[in-house]
PDB file of N, CA and C in Angstrom:
ATOM      1  N   UNK A   1      -2.171  -6.465 -31.119  1.00  0.00           N
ATOM      2  CA  UNK A   1      -1.914  -5.039 -31.110  1.00  0.00           C
ATOM      3  C   UNK A   1      -2.862  -4.318 -30.162  1.00  0.00           C
ATOM      4  N   UNK A   2      -4.130  -4.739 -30.126  1.00  0.00           N
ATOM      5  CA  UNK A   2      -5.103  -4.087 -29.252  1.00  0.00           C
ATOM      6  C   UNK A   2      -4.719  -4.282 -27.785  1.00  0.00           C
ATOM      7  N   UNK A   3      -4.210  -5.477 -27.454  1.00  0.00           N
ATOM      8  CA  UNK A   3      -3.834  -5.730 -26.064  1.00  0.00           C
ATOM      9  C   UNK A   3      -2.694  -4.811 -25.637  1.00  0.00           C
ATOM     10  N   UNK A   4      -1.779  -4.519 -26.529  1.00  0.00           N
ATOM     11  CA  UNK A   4      -0.683  -3.610 -26.191  1.00  0.00           C
ATOM     12  C   UNK A   4      -1.212  -2.226 -25.853  1.00  0.00           C
ATOM     13  N   UNK A   5      -2.150  -1.761 -26.654  1.00  0.00           N
ATOM     14  CA  UNK A   5      -2.736  -0.439 -26.405  1.00  0.00           C
ATOM     15  C   UNK A   5      -3.462  -0.440 -25.062  1.00  0.00           C
ATOM     16  N   UNK A   6      -4.222  -1.494 -24.804  1.00  0.00           N
ATOM     17  CA  UNK A   6      -4.947  -1.575 -23.536  1.00  0.00           C
ATOM     18  C   UNK A   6      -4.000  -1.638 -22.343  1.00  0.00           C
ATOM     19  N   UNK A   7      -2.944  -2.417 -22.473  1.00  0.00           N
ATOM     20  CA  UNK A   7      -1.967  -2.513 -21.385  1.00  0.00           C
ATOM     21  C   UNK A   7      -1.252  -1.182 -21.163  1.00  0.00           C
ATOM     22  N   UNK A   8      -0.877  -0.515 -22.221  1.00  0.00           N
ATOM     23  CA  UNK A   8      -0.223   0.796 -22.082  1.00  0.00           C
ATOM     24  C   UNK A   8      -1.176   1.822 -21.471  1.00  0.00           C
ATOM     25  N   UNK A   9      -2.452   1.762 -21.853  1.00  0.00           N
ATOM     26  CA  UNK A   9      -3.430   2.661 -21.239  1.00  0.00           C
ATOM     27  C   UNK A   9      -3.591   2.356 -19.750  1.00  0.00           C
ATOM     28  N   UNK A  10      -3.572   1.089 -19.397  1.00  0.00           N
ATOM     29  CA  UNK A  10      -3.643   0.700 -17.984  1.00  0.00           C
ATOM     30  C   UNK A  10      -2.436   1.195 -17.200  1.00  0.00           C
ATOM     31  N   UNK A  11      -1.245   1.078 -17.787  1.00  0.00           N
ATOM     32  CA  UNK A  11      -0.037   1.577 -17.129  1.00  0.00           C
ATOM     33  C   UNK A  11      -0.073   3.094 -17.006  1.00  0.00           C
ATOM     34  N   UNK A  12      -0.550   3.766 -18.056  1.00  0.00           N
ATOM     35  CA  UNK A  12      -0.657   5.226 -18.010  1.00  0.00           C
ATOM     36  C   UNK A  12      -1.666   5.661 -16.951  1.00  0.00           C
ATOM     37  N   UNK A  13      -2.776   4.955 -16.843  1.00  0.00           N
ATOM     38  CA  UNK A  13      -3.773   5.288 -15.820  1.00  0.00           C
ATOM     39  C   UNK A  13      -3.197   5.080 -14.422  1.00  0.00           C
ATOM     40  N   UNK A  14      -2.435   4.023 -14.247  1.00  0.00           N
ATOM     41  CA  UNK A  14      -1.786   3.787 -12.959  1.00  0.00           C
ATOM     42  C   UNK A  14      -0.803   4.899 -12.638  1.00  0.00           C
ATOM     43  N   UNK A  15      -0.032   5.308 -13.617  1.00  0.00           N
ATOM     44  CA  UNK A  15       0.911   6.416 -13.424  1.00  0.00           C
ATOM     45  C   UNK A  15       0.200   7.710 -13.077  1.00  0.00           C
ATOM     46  N   UNK A  16      -0.918   7.975 -13.738  1.00  0.00           N
ATOM     47  CA  UNK A  16      -1.692   9.188 -13.446  1.00  0.00           C
ATOM     48  C   UNK A  16      -2.240   9.145 -12.019  1.00  0.00           C
ATOM     49  N   UNK A  17      -2.724   7.981 -11.595  1.00  0.00           N
ATOM     50  CA  UNK A  17      -3.232   7.829 -10.242  1.00  0.00           C
ATOM     51  C   UNK A  17      -2.122   8.053  -9.221  1.00  0.00           C
ATOM     52  N   UNK A  18      -0.942   7.509  -9.480  1.00  0.00           N
ATOM     53  CA  UNK A  18       0.212   7.716  -8.587  1.00  0.00           C
ATOM     54  C   UNK A  18       0.571   9.190  -8.546  1.00  0.00           C
ATOM     55  N   UNK A  19       0.536   9.841  -9.709  1.00  0.00           N
ATOM     56  CA  UNK A  19       0.860  11.271  -9.771  1.00  0.00           C
ATOM     57  C   UNK A  19      -0.133  12.090  -8.958  1.00  0.00           C
ATOM     58  N   UNK A  20      -1.408  11.738  -9.017  1.00  0.00           N
ATOM     59  CA  UNK A  20      -2.425  12.483  -8.262  1.00  0.00           C
ATOM     60  C   UNK A  20      -2.282  12.277  -6.757  1.00  0.00           C
ATOM     61  N   UNK A  21      -1.866  11.105  -6.346  1.00  0.00           N
ATOM     62  CA  UNK A  21      -1.705  10.778  -4.918  1.00  0.00           C
ATOM     63  C   UNK A  21      -0.246  10.899  -4.508  1.00  0.00           C
ATOM     64  N   UNK A  22       0.320  12.076  -4.652  1.00  0.00           N
ATOM     65  CA  UNK A  22       1.752  12.276  -4.406  1.00  0.00           C
ATOM     66  C   UNK A  22       2.090  12.479  -2.937  1.00  0.00           C
ATOM     67  N   UNK A  23       1.420  11.829  -2.025  1.00  0.00           N
ATOM     68  CA  UNK A  23       1.702  12.001  -0.619  1.00  0.00           C
ATOM     69  C   UNK A  23       2.768  11.029  -0.113  1.00  0.00           C
ATOM     70  N   UNK A  24       3.422  10.370  -0.988  1.00  0.00           N
ATOM     71  CA  UNK A  24       4.461   9.418  -0.609  1.00  0.00           C
ATOM     72  C   UNK A  24       5.835  10.078  -0.740  1.00  0.00           C
ATOM     73  N   UNK A  25       6.836   9.367  -0.284  1.00  0.00           N
ATOM     74  CA  UNK A  25       8.205   9.861  -0.397  1.00  0.00           C
ATOM     75  C   UNK A  25       8.630   9.879  -1.862  1.00  0.00           C
ATOM     76  N   UNK A  26       9.490  10.819  -2.231  1.00  0.00           N
ATOM     77  CA  UNK A  26       9.953  10.869  -3.633  1.00  0.00           C
ATOM     78  C   UNK A  26      10.591   9.560  -4.095  1.00  0.00           C
ATOM     79  N   UNK A  27      11.269   8.867  -3.193  1.00  0.00           N
ATOM     80  CA  UNK A  27      11.882   7.584  -3.558  1.00  0.00           C
ATOM     81  C   UNK A  27      10.821   6.589  -4.003  1.00  0.00           C
ATOM     82  N   UNK A  28       9.702   6.534  -3.293  1.00  0.00           N
ATOM     83  CA  UNK A  28       8.630   5.613  -3.659  1.00  0.00           C
ATOM     84  C   UNK A  28       8.032   5.967  -5.012  1.00  0.00           C
ATOM     85  N   UNK A  29       7.844   7.254  -5.254  1.00  0.00           N
ATOM     86  CA  UNK A  29       7.265   7.694  -6.524  1.00  0.00           C
ATOM     87  C   UNK A  29       8.193   7.347  -7.676  1.00  0.00           C
ATOM     88  N   UNK A  30       9.484   7.616  -7.506  1.00  0.00           N
ATOM     89  CA  UNK A  30      10.458   7.301  -8.562  1.00  0.00           C
ATOM     90  C   UNK A  30      10.491   5.792  -8.808  1.00  0.00           C
ATOM     91  N   UNK A  31      10.456   5.017  -7.743  1.00  0.00           N
ATOM     92  CA  UNK A  31      10.461   3.556  -7.890  1.00  0.00           C
ATOM     93  C   UNK A  31       9.224   3.079  -8.646  1.00  0.00           C
ATOM     94  N   UNK A  32       8.061   3.612  -8.298  1.00  0.00           N
ATOM     95  CA  UNK A  32       6.841   3.210  -8.989  1.00  0.00           C
ATOM     96  C   UNK A  32       6.860   3.596 -10.460  1.00  0.00           C
ATOM     97  N   UNK A  33       7.348   4.804 -10.764  1.00  0.00           N
ATOM     98  CA  UNK A  33       7.421   5.193 -12.170  1.00  0.00           C
ATOM     99  C   UNK A  33       8.461   4.362 -12.926  1.00  0.00           C
ATOM    100  N   UNK A  34       9.528   3.961 -12.254  1.00  0.00           N
ATOM    101  CA  UNK A  34      10.506   3.077 -12.901  1.00  0.00           C
ATOM    102  C   UNK A  34       9.876   1.727 -13.224  1.00  0.00           C
ATOM    103  N   UNK A  35       9.083   1.203 -12.278  1.00  0.00           N
ATOM    104  CA  UNK A  35       8.388  -0.060 -12.533  1.00  0.00           C
ATOM    105  C   UNK A  35       7.380   0.068 -13.674  1.00  0.00           C
ATOM    106  N   UNK A  36       6.678   1.207 -13.716  1.00  0.00           N
ATOM    107  CA  UNK A  36       5.762   1.437 -14.838  1.00  0.00           C
ATOM    108  C   UNK A  36       6.517   1.515 -16.158  1.00  0.00           C
ATOM    109  N   UNK A  37       7.692   2.114 -16.145  1.00  0.00           N
ATOM    110  CA  UNK A  37       8.518   2.185 -17.352  1.00  0.00           C
ATOM    111  C   UNK A  37       8.969   0.812 -17.805  1.00  0.00           C
ATOM    112  N   UNK A  38       9.385  -0.011 -16.843  1.00  0.00           N
ATOM    113  CA  UNK A  38       9.780  -1.392 -17.174  1.00  0.00           C
ATOM    114  C   UNK A  38       8.590  -2.157 -17.743  1.00  0.00           C
ATOM    115  N   UNK A  39       7.420  -1.947 -17.154  1.00  0.00           N
ATOM    116  CA  UNK A  39       6.212  -2.589 -17.680  1.00  0.00           C
ATOM    117  C   UNK A  39       5.897  -2.134 -19.086  1.00  0.00           C
ATOM    118  N   UNK A  40       6.074  -0.846 -19.362  1.00  0.00           N
ATOM    119  CA  UNK A  40       5.818  -0.326 -20.708  1.00  0.00           C
ATOM    120  C   UNK A  40       6.793  -0.921 -21.717  1.00  0.00           C
ATOM    121  N   UNK A  41       8.052  -1.049 -21.330  1.00  0.00           N
ATOM    122  CA  UNK A  41       9.044  -1.658 -22.231  1.00  0.00           C
ATOM    123  C   UNK A  41       8.674  -3.115 -22.495  1.00  0.00           C
ATOM    124  N   UNK A  42       8.230  -3.817 -21.453  1.00  0.00           N
ATOM    125  CA  UNK A  42       7.846  -5.221 -21.623  1.00  0.00           C
ATOM    126  C   UNK A  42       6.629  -5.354 -22.529  1.00  0.00           C
ATOM    127  N   UNK A  43       5.742  -4.356 -22.512  1.00  0.00           N
ATOM    128  CA  UNK A  43       4.565  -4.399 -23.381  1.00  0.00           C
ATOM    129  C   UNK A  43       4.952  -4.092 -24.823  1.00  0.00           C
ATOM    130  N   UNK A  44       5.779  -3.065 -25.002  1.00  0.00           N
ATOM    131  CA  UNK A  44       6.142  -2.628 -26.359  1.00  0.00           C
ATOM    132  C   UNK A  44       7.103  -3.612 -27.022  1.00  0.00           C
ATOM    133  N   UNK A  45       8.083  -4.116 -26.257  1.00  0.00           N
ATOM    134  CA  UNK A  45       9.083  -5.035 -26.815  1.00  0.00           C
ATOM    135  C   UNK A  45       9.091  -6.313 -25.960  1.00  0.00           C
ATOM    136  N   UNK A  46       8.123  -7.197 -26.154  1.00  0.00           N
ATOM    137  CA  UNK A  46       8.017  -8.385 -25.293  1.00  0.00           C
ATOM    138  C   UNK A  46       9.180  -9.365 -25.439  1.00  0.00           C
ATOM    139  N   UNK A  47       9.955  -9.239 -26.501  1.00  0.00           N
ATOM    140  CA  UNK A  47      11.101 -10.143 -26.687  1.00  0.00           C
ATOM    141  C   UNK A  47      12.154  -9.936 -25.605  1.00  0.00           C
ATOM    142  N   UNK A  48      12.196  -8.728 -25.030  1.00  0.00           N
ATOM    143  CA  UNK A  48      13.190  -8.467 -23.981  1.00  0.00           C
ATOM    144  C   UNK A  48      12.923  -9.330 -22.747  1.00  0.00           C
ATOM    145  N   UNK A  49      11.665  -9.581 -22.452  1.00  0.00           N
ATOM    146  CA  UNK A  49      11.380 -10.432 -21.291  1.00  0.00           C
ATOM    147  C   UNK A  49      11.853 -11.868 -21.539  1.00  0.00           C
ATOM    148  N   UNK A  50      11.760 -12.328 -22.778  1.00  0.00           N
ATOM    149  CA  UNK A  50      12.277 -13.663 -23.106  1.00  0.00           C
ATOM    150  C   UNK A  50      13.788 -13.720 -22.928  1.00  0.00           C
ATOM    151  N   UNK A  51      14.476 -12.684 -23.381  1.00  0.00           N
ATOM    152  CA  UNK A  51      15.938 -12.658 -23.258  1.00  0.00           C
ATOM    153  C   UNK A  51      16.366 -12.610 -21.792  1.00  0.00           C
ATOM    154  N   UNK A  52      15.690 -11.799 -21.001  1.00  0.00           N
ATOM    155  CA  UNK A  52      16.022 -11.709 -19.576  1.00  0.00           C
ATOM    156  C   UNK A  52      15.683 -13.027 -18.880  1.00  0.00           C
ATOM    157  N   UNK A  53      14.575 -13.643 -19.260  1.00  0.00           N
ATOM    158  CA  UNK A  53      14.189 -14.924 -18.665  1.00  0.00           C
ATOM    159  C   UNK A  53      15.236 -15.988 -18.934  1.00  0.00           C
ATOM    160  N   UNK A  54      15.742 -16.033 -20.144  1.00  0.00           N
ATOM    161  CA  UNK A  54      16.785 -17.011 -20.464  1.00  0.00           C
ATOM    162  C   UNK A  54      18.063 -16.736 -19.684  1.00  0.00           C
ATOM    163  N   UNK A  55      18.368 -15.458 -19.451  1.00  0.00           N
ATOM    164  CA  UNK A  55      19.568 -15.111 -18.675  1.00  0.00           C
ATOM    165  C   UNK A  55      19.472 -15.582 -17.226  1.00  0.00           C
ATOM    166  N   UNK A  56      18.299 -15.526 -16.651  1.00  0.00           N
ATOM    167  CA  UNK A  56      18.147 -15.921 -15.247  1.00  0.00           C
ATOM    168  C   UNK A  56      17.724 -17.372 -15.079  1.00  0.00           C
ATOM    169  N   UNK A  57      17.496 -18.070 -16.170  1.00  0.00           N
ATOM    170  CA  UNK A  57      17.208 -19.494 -16.097  1.00  0.00           C
ATOM    171  C   UNK A  57      15.734 -19.862 -16.099  1.00  0.00           C
ATOM    172  N   UNK A  58      14.895 -18.975 -16.607  1.00  0.00           N
ATOM    173  CA  UNK A  58      13.468 -19.267 -16.739  1.00  0.00           C
ATOM    174  C   UNK A  58      13.191 -19.501 -18.214  1.00  0.00           C
ATOM    175  N   UNK A  59      12.283 -20.408 -18.507  1.00  0.00           N
ATOM    176  CA  UNK A  59      12.023 -20.795 -19.888  1.00  0.00           C
ATOM    177  C   UNK A  59      11.427 -19.703 -20.768  1.00  0.00           C
ATOM    178  N   UNK A  60      10.429 -18.981 -20.267  1.00  0.00           N
ATOM    179  CA  UNK A  60       9.752 -17.968 -21.081  1.00  0.00           C
ATOM    180  C   UNK A  60       9.658 -16.652 -20.326  1.00  0.00           C
ATOM    181  N   UNK A  61       9.540 -15.578 -21.076  1.00  0.00           N
ATOM    182  CA  UNK A  61       9.404 -14.256 -20.479  1.00  0.00           C
ATOM    183  C   UNK A  61       8.111 -14.099 -19.710  1.00  0.00           C
ATOM    184  N   UNK A  62       7.042 -14.716 -20.212  1.00  0.00           N
ATOM    185  CA  UNK A  62       5.751 -14.642 -19.518  1.00  0.00           C
ATOM    186  C   UNK A  62       5.834 -15.305 -18.147  1.00  0.00           C
ATOM    187  N   UNK A  63       6.570 -16.414 -18.061  1.00  0.00           N
ATOM    188  CA  UNK A  63       6.751 -17.076 -16.764  1.00  0.00           C
ATOM    189  C   UNK A  63       7.532 -16.176 -15.808  1.00  0.00           C
ATOM    190  N   UNK A  64       8.564 -15.542 -16.317  1.00  0.00           N
ATOM    191  CA  UNK A  64       9.358 -14.637 -15.480  1.00  0.00           C
ATOM    192  C   UNK A  64       8.497 -13.498 -14.943  1.00  0.00           C
ATOM    193  N   UNK A  65       7.695 -12.918 -15.810  1.00  0.00           N
ATOM    194  CA  UNK A  65       6.809 -11.828 -15.380  1.00  0.00           C
ATOM    195  C   UNK A  65       5.838 -12.330 -14.320  1.00  0.00           C
ATOM    196  N   UNK A  66       5.304 -13.519 -14.490  1.00  0.00           N
ATOM    197  CA  UNK A  66       4.369 -14.082 -13.514  1.00  0.00           C
ATOM    198  C   UNK A  66       5.059 -14.339 -12.181  1.00  0.00           C
ATOM    199  N   UNK A  67       6.258 -14.896 -12.202  1.00  0.00           N
ATOM    200  CA  UNK A  67       6.974 -15.159 -10.952  1.00  0.00           C
ATOM    201  C   UNK A  67       7.264 -13.861 -10.202  1.00  0.00           C
ATOM    202  N   UNK A  68       7.721 -12.864 -10.916  1.00  0.00           N
ATOM    203  CA  UNK A  68       8.017 -11.576 -10.291  1.00  0.00           C
ATOM    204  C   UNK A  68       6.743 -10.946  -9.737  1.00  0.00           C
ATOM    205  N   UNK A  69       5.650 -11.067 -10.472  1.00  0.00           N
ATOM    206  CA  UNK A  69       4.381 -10.503 -10.011  1.00  0.00           C
ATOM    207  C   UNK A  69       3.898 -11.204  -8.746  1.00  0.00           C
ATOM    208  N   UNK A  70       4.017 -12.514  -8.691  1.00  0.00           N
ATOM    209  CA  UNK A  70       3.573 -13.261  -7.507  1.00  0.00           C
ATOM    210  C   UNK A  70       4.387 -12.869  -6.286  1.00  0.00           C
ATOM    211  N   UNK A  71       5.694 -12.806  -6.428  1.00  0.00           N
ATOM    212  CA  UNK A  71       6.547 -12.423  -5.297  1.00  0.00           C
ATOM    213  C   UNK A  71       6.254 -10.983  -4.874  1.00  0.00           C
ATOM    214  N   UNK A  72       6.031 -10.107  -5.827  1.00  0.00           N
ATOM    215  CA  UNK A  72       5.723  -8.711  -5.505  1.00  0.00           C
ATOM    216  C   UNK A  72       4.393  -8.589  -4.768  1.00  0.00           C
ATOM    217  N   UNK A  73       3.394  -9.310  -5.224  1.00  0.00           N
ATOM    218  CA  UNK A  73       2.085  -9.265  -4.565  1.00  0.00           C
ATOM    219  C   UNK A  73       2.186  -9.817  -3.144  1.00  0.00           C
ATOM    220  N   UNK A  74       2.931 -10.892  -2.949  1.00  0.00           N
ATOM    221  CA  UNK A  74       3.123 -11.429  -1.602  1.00  0.00           C
ATOM    222  C   UNK A  74       3.810 -10.411  -0.698  1.00  0.00           C
ATOM    223  N   UNK A  75       4.822  -9.732  -1.218  1.00  0.00           N
ATOM    224  CA  UNK A  75       5.522  -8.704  -0.447  1.00  0.00           C
ATOM    225  C   UNK A  75       4.559  -7.597  -0.035  1.00  0.00           C
ATOM    226  N   UNK A  76       3.758  -7.134  -0.967  1.00  0.00           N
ATOM    227  CA  UNK A  76       2.804  -6.053  -0.681  1.00  0.00           C
ATOM    228  C   UNK A  76       1.768  -6.515   0.342  1.00  0.00           C
ATOM    229  N   UNK A  77       1.265  -7.745   0.184  1.00  0.00           N
ATOM    230  CA  UNK A  77       0.291  -8.263   1.147  1.00  0.00           C
ATOM    231  C   UNK A  77       0.866  -8.347   2.553  1.00  0.00           C
ATOM    232  N   UNK A  78       2.077  -8.848   2.682  1.00  0.00           N
ATOM    233  CA  UNK A  78       2.708  -8.950   4.002  1.00  0.00           C
ATOM    234  C   UNK A  78       2.949  -7.562   4.579  1.00  0.00           C
ATOM    235  N   UNK A  79       3.374  -6.630   3.736  1.00  0.00           N
ATOM    236  CA  UNK A  79       3.622  -5.259   4.183  1.00  0.00           C
ATOM    237  C   UNK A  79       2.343  -4.624   4.727  1.00  0.00           C
ATOM    238  N   UNK A  80       1.259  -4.725   3.983  1.00  0.00           N
ATOM    239  CA  UNK A  80       0.008  -4.118   4.430  1.00  0.00           C
ATOM    240  C   UNK A  80      -0.621  -4.868   5.589  1.00  0.00           C
ATOM    241  N   UNK A  81      -0.409  -6.159   5.686  1.00  0.00           N
ATOM    242  CA  UNK A  81      -0.888  -6.893   6.847  1.00  0.00           C
ATOM    243  C   UNK A  81      -0.180  -6.410   8.110  1.00  0.00           C
ATOM    244  N   UNK A  82       1.137  -6.215   8.021  1.00  0.00           N
ATOM    245  CA  UNK A  82       1.885  -5.710   9.173  1.00  0.00           C
ATOM    246  C   UNK A  82       1.396  -4.317   9.556  1.00  0.00           C
ATOM    247  N   UNK A  83       1.128  -3.465   8.574  1.00  0.00           N
ATOM    248  CA  UNK A  83       0.593  -2.133   8.868  1.00  0.00           C
ATOM    249  C   UNK A  83      -0.784  -2.230   9.509  1.00  0.00           C
ATOM    250  N   UNK A  84      -1.617  -3.130   9.035  1.00  0.00           N
ATOM    251  CA  UNK A  84      -2.951  -3.308   9.589  1.00  0.00           C
ATOM    252  C   UNK A  84      -2.877  -3.742  11.050  1.00  0.00           C
ATOM    253  N   UNK A  85      -2.010  -4.686  11.353  1.00  0.00           N
ATOM    254  CA  UNK A  85      -1.868  -5.155  12.732  1.00  0.00           C
ATOM    255  C   UNK A  85      -1.375  -4.019  13.619  1.00  0.00           C
ATOM    256  N   UNK A  86      -0.442  -3.229  13.132  1.00  0.00           N
ATOM    257  CA  UNK A  86       0.064  -2.089  13.896  1.00  0.00           C
ATOM    258  C   UNK A  86      -1.040  -1.063  14.145  1.00  0.00           C
ATOM    259  N   UNK A  87      -1.816  -0.748  13.116  1.00  0.00           N
ATOM    260  CA  UNK A  87      -2.925   0.192  13.278  1.00  0.00           C
ATOM    261  C   UNK A  87      -3.980  -0.345  14.239  1.00  0.00           C
ATOM    262  N   UNK A  88      -4.245  -1.630  14.174  1.00  0.00           N
ATOM    263  CA  UNK A  88      -5.209  -2.245  15.080  1.00  0.00           C
ATOM    264  C   UNK A  88      -4.736  -2.110  16.529  1.00  0.00           C
ATOM    265  N   UNK A  89      -3.443  -2.297  16.743  1.00  0.00           N
ATOM    266  CA  UNK A  89      -2.876  -2.147  18.085  1.00  0.00           C
ATOM    267  C   UNK A  89      -2.997  -0.698  18.558  1.00  0.00           C
ATOM    268  N   UNK A  90      -2.730   0.257  17.680  1.00  0.00           N
ATOM    269  CA  UNK A  90      -2.836   1.671  18.041  1.00  0.00           C
ATOM    270  C   UNK A  90      -4.274   2.070  18.351  1.00  0.00           C
ATOM    271  N   UNK A  91      -5.228   1.571  17.574  1.00  0.00           N
ATOM    272  CA  UNK A  91      -6.639   1.871  17.831  1.00  0.00           C
ATOM    273  C   UNK A  91      -7.054   1.299  19.188  1.00  0.00           C
ATOM    274  N   UNK A  92      -6.586   0.115  19.515  1.00  0.00           N
ATOM    275  CA  UNK A  92      -6.898  -0.478  20.810  1.00  0.00           C
ATOM    276  C   UNK A  92      -6.347   0.385  21.940  1.00  0.00           C
ATOM    277  N   UNK A  93      -5.097   0.853  21.803  1.00  0.00           N
ATOM    278  CA  UNK A  93      -4.502   1.720  22.820  1.00  0.00           C
ATOM    279  C   UNK A  93      -5.294   3.020  22.957  1.00  0.00           C
ATOM    280  N   UNK A  94      -5.639   3.629  21.835  1.00  0.00           N
ATOM    281  CA  UNK A  94      -6.394   4.878  21.882  1.00  0.00           C
ATOM    282  C   UNK A  94      -7.772   4.679  22.518  1.00  0.00           C
ATOM    283  N   UNK A  95      -8.412   3.576  22.205  1.00  0.00           N
ATOM    284  CA  UNK A  95      -9.725   3.294  22.786  1.00  0.00           C
ATOM    285  C   UNK A  95      -9.625   3.130  24.300  1.00  0.00           C
ATOM    286  N   UNK A  96      -8.603   2.442  24.755  1.00  0.00           N
ATOM    287  CA  UNK A  96      -8.411   2.280  26.197  1.00  0.00           C
ATOM    288  C   UNK A  96      -8.173   3.629  26.874  1.00  0.00           C
ATOM    289  N   UNK A  97      -7.298   4.452  26.271  1.00  0.00           N
ATOM    290  CA  UNK A  97      -7.023   5.765  26.847  1.00  0.00           C
ATOM    291  C   UNK A  97      -8.271   6.639  26.866  1.00  0.00           C
ATOM    292  N   UNK A  98      -9.061   6.572  25.805  1.00  0.00           N
ATOM    293  CA  UNK A  98     -10.301   7.354  25.753  1.00  0.00           C
ATOM    294  C   UNK A  98     -11.287   6.885  26.815  1.00  0.00           C
ATOM    295  N   UNK A  99     -11.395   5.589  27.013  1.00  0.00           N
ATOM    296  CA  UNK A  99     -12.297   5.065  28.039  1.00  0.00           C
ATOM    297  C   UNK A  99     -11.861   5.514  29.429  1.00  0.00           C
ATOM    298  N   UNK A 100     -10.555   5.483  29.679  1.00  0.00           N
ATOM    299  CA  UNK A 100     -10.045   5.932  30.981  1.00  0.00           C
ATOM    300  C   UNK A 100     -10.327   7.410  31.175  1.00  0.00           C
ATOM    301  N   UNK A 101     -10.075   8.219  30.153  1.00  0.00           N
ATOM    302  CA  UNK A 101     -10.337   9.656  30.267  1.00  0.00           C
ATOM    303  C   UNK A 101     -11.822   9.949  30.488  1.00  0.00           C
ATOM    304  N   UNK A 102     -12.680   9.245  29.797  1.00  0.00           N
ATOM    305  CA  UNK A 102     -14.119   9.440  30.001  1.00  0.00           C
ATOM    306  C   UNK A 102     -14.523   9.058  31.424  1.00  0.00           C
ATOM    307  N   UNK A 103     -14.004   7.948  31.901  1.00  0.00           N
ATOM    308  CA  UNK A 103     -14.340   7.525  33.262  1.00  0.00           C
ATOM    309  C   UNK A 103     -13.857   8.552  34.280  1.00  0.00           C
ATOM    310  N   UNK A 104     -12.649   9.076  34.080  1.00  0.00           N
ATOM    311  CA  UNK A 104     -12.134  10.099  34.997  1.00  0.00           C
ATOM    312  C   UNK A 104     -12.964  11.373  34.920  1.00  0.00           C
ATOM    313  N   UNK A 105     -13.359  11.763  33.720  1.00  0.00           N
ATOM    314  CA  UNK A 105     -14.171  12.969  33.547  1.00  0.00           C
ATOM    315  C   UNK A 105     -15.537  12.804  34.209  1.00  0.00           C
ATOM    316  N   UNK A 106     -16.154  11.663  34.014  1.00  0.00           N
ATOM    317  CA  UNK A 106     -17.459  11.412  34.623  1.00  0.00           C
ATOM    318  C   UNK A 106     -17.345  11.357  36.146  1.00  0.00           C
ATOM    319  N   UNK A 107     -16.276  10.764  36.645  1.00  0.00           N
ATOM    320  CA  UNK A 107     -16.091  10.691  38.094  1.00  0.00           C
ATOM    321  C   UNK A 107     -15.880  12.079  38.680  1.00  0.00           C
ATOM    322  N   UNK A 108     -15.091  12.908  38.000  1.00  0.00           N
ATOM    323  CA  UNK A 108     -14.864  14.261  38.515  1.00  0.00           C
ATOM    324  C   UNK A 108     -16.126  15.111  38.385  1.00  0.00           C
ATOM    325  N   UNK A 109     -16.940  14.886  37.373  1.00  0.00           N
ATOM    326  CA  UNK A 109     -18.203  15.613  37.223  1.00  0.00           C
ATOM    327  C   UNK A 109     -19.175  15.224  38.326  1.00  0.00           C
ATOM    328  N   UNK A 110     -19.218  13.948  38.663  1.00  0.00           N
ATOM    329  CA  UNK A 110     -20.091  13.497  39.755  1.00  0.00           C
ATOM    330  C   UNK A 110     -19.624  14.068  41.087  1.00  0.00           C
ATOM    331  N   UNK A 111     -18.320  14.103  41.284  1.00  0.00           N
ATOM    332  CA  UNK A 111     -17.773  14.654  42.509  1.00  0.00           C
ATOM    333  C   UNK A 111     -18.100  16.137  42.613  1.00  0.00           C
ATOM    334  N   UNK A 112     -17.965  16.864  41.500  1.00  0.00           N
ATOM    335  CA  UNK A 112     -18.275  18.301  41.494  1.00  0.00           C
ATOM    336  C   UNK A 112     -19.751  18.535  41.735  1.00  0.00           C
ATOM    337  N   UNK A 113     -20.604  17.700  41.151  1.00  0.00           N
ATOM    338  CA  UNK A 113     -22.052  17.826  41.348  1.00  0.00           C
ATOM    339  C   UNK A 113     -22.422  17.526  42.794  1.00  0.00           C
ATOM    340  N   UNK A 114     -21.821  16.517  43.380  1.00  0.00           N
ATOM    341  CA  UNK A 114     -22.125  16.124  44.755  1.00  0.00           C
ATOM    342  C   UNK A 114     -21.684  17.214  45.736  1.00  0.00           C
ATOM    343  N   UNK A 115     -20.500  17.800  45.524  1.00  0.00           N
ATOM    344  CA  UNK A 115     -20.011  18.840  46.431  1.00  0.00           C
ATOM    345  C   UNK A 115     -20.799  20.124  46.266  1.00  0.00           C
ATOM    346  N   UNK A 116     -21.259  20.452  45.062  1.00  0.00           N
ATOM    347  CA  UNK A 116     -22.049  21.675  44.872  1.00  0.00           C
ATOM    348  C   UNK A 116     -23.446  21.511  45.453  1.00  0.00           C
ATOM    349  N   UNK A 117     -23.994  20.317  45.460  1.00  0.00           N
ATOM    350  CA  UNK A 117     -25.305  20.072  46.030  1.00  0.00           C
ATOM    351  C   UNK A 117     -25.264  20.088  47.565  1.00  0.00           C
ATOM    352  N   UNK A 118     -24.162  19.652  48.138  1.00  0.00           N
ATOM    353  CA  UNK A 118     -24.058  19.619  49.595  1.00  0.00           C
ATOM    354  C   UNK A 118     -23.790  21.002  50.171  1.00  0.00           C
ATOM    355  N   UNK A 119     -23.339  21.952  49.353  1.00  0.00           N
ATOM    356  CA  UNK A 119     -23.080  23.317  49.851  1.00  0.00           C
ATOM    357  C   UNK A 119     -24.299  24.088  49.980  1.00  0.00           C
TER     358      UNK A 119
END
C-alpha cells in the first residue's frame, strides 16, 4: 500500500512539473498527462496490466510495463541525441560566422586606423 502512495505521489509530482513547464505544444502536454493517467491506473489497479499483457502475449503485467518503458527510454534517448547533434552543428556554424565577422571587423578597424594615421 505504501508503494502505491509513493508511486502516485511521484506521478503527481511529474504532472506538476509538466504543468509548470508549459512551453511545449498542447499535443505534447495532453500526451504526457494521458501517460501519467495510464500510469496512475496501473498503480491503482495493477491487475489491468496483467490482463493487457495476456492480450498482447506477454506473461506478466510487470514484464509488459518494463518492455514498454525500455522502448520508450530508447526512443527518448535517440530523439535527444539527434537534437544534440543538430545543436552541435548549429553552434559550430555560429562560431564560424562569429569568427569571420570578428576578423572582418578587426581588418576594417586596422584599415581605418592606418588611413587616419596617414592623413
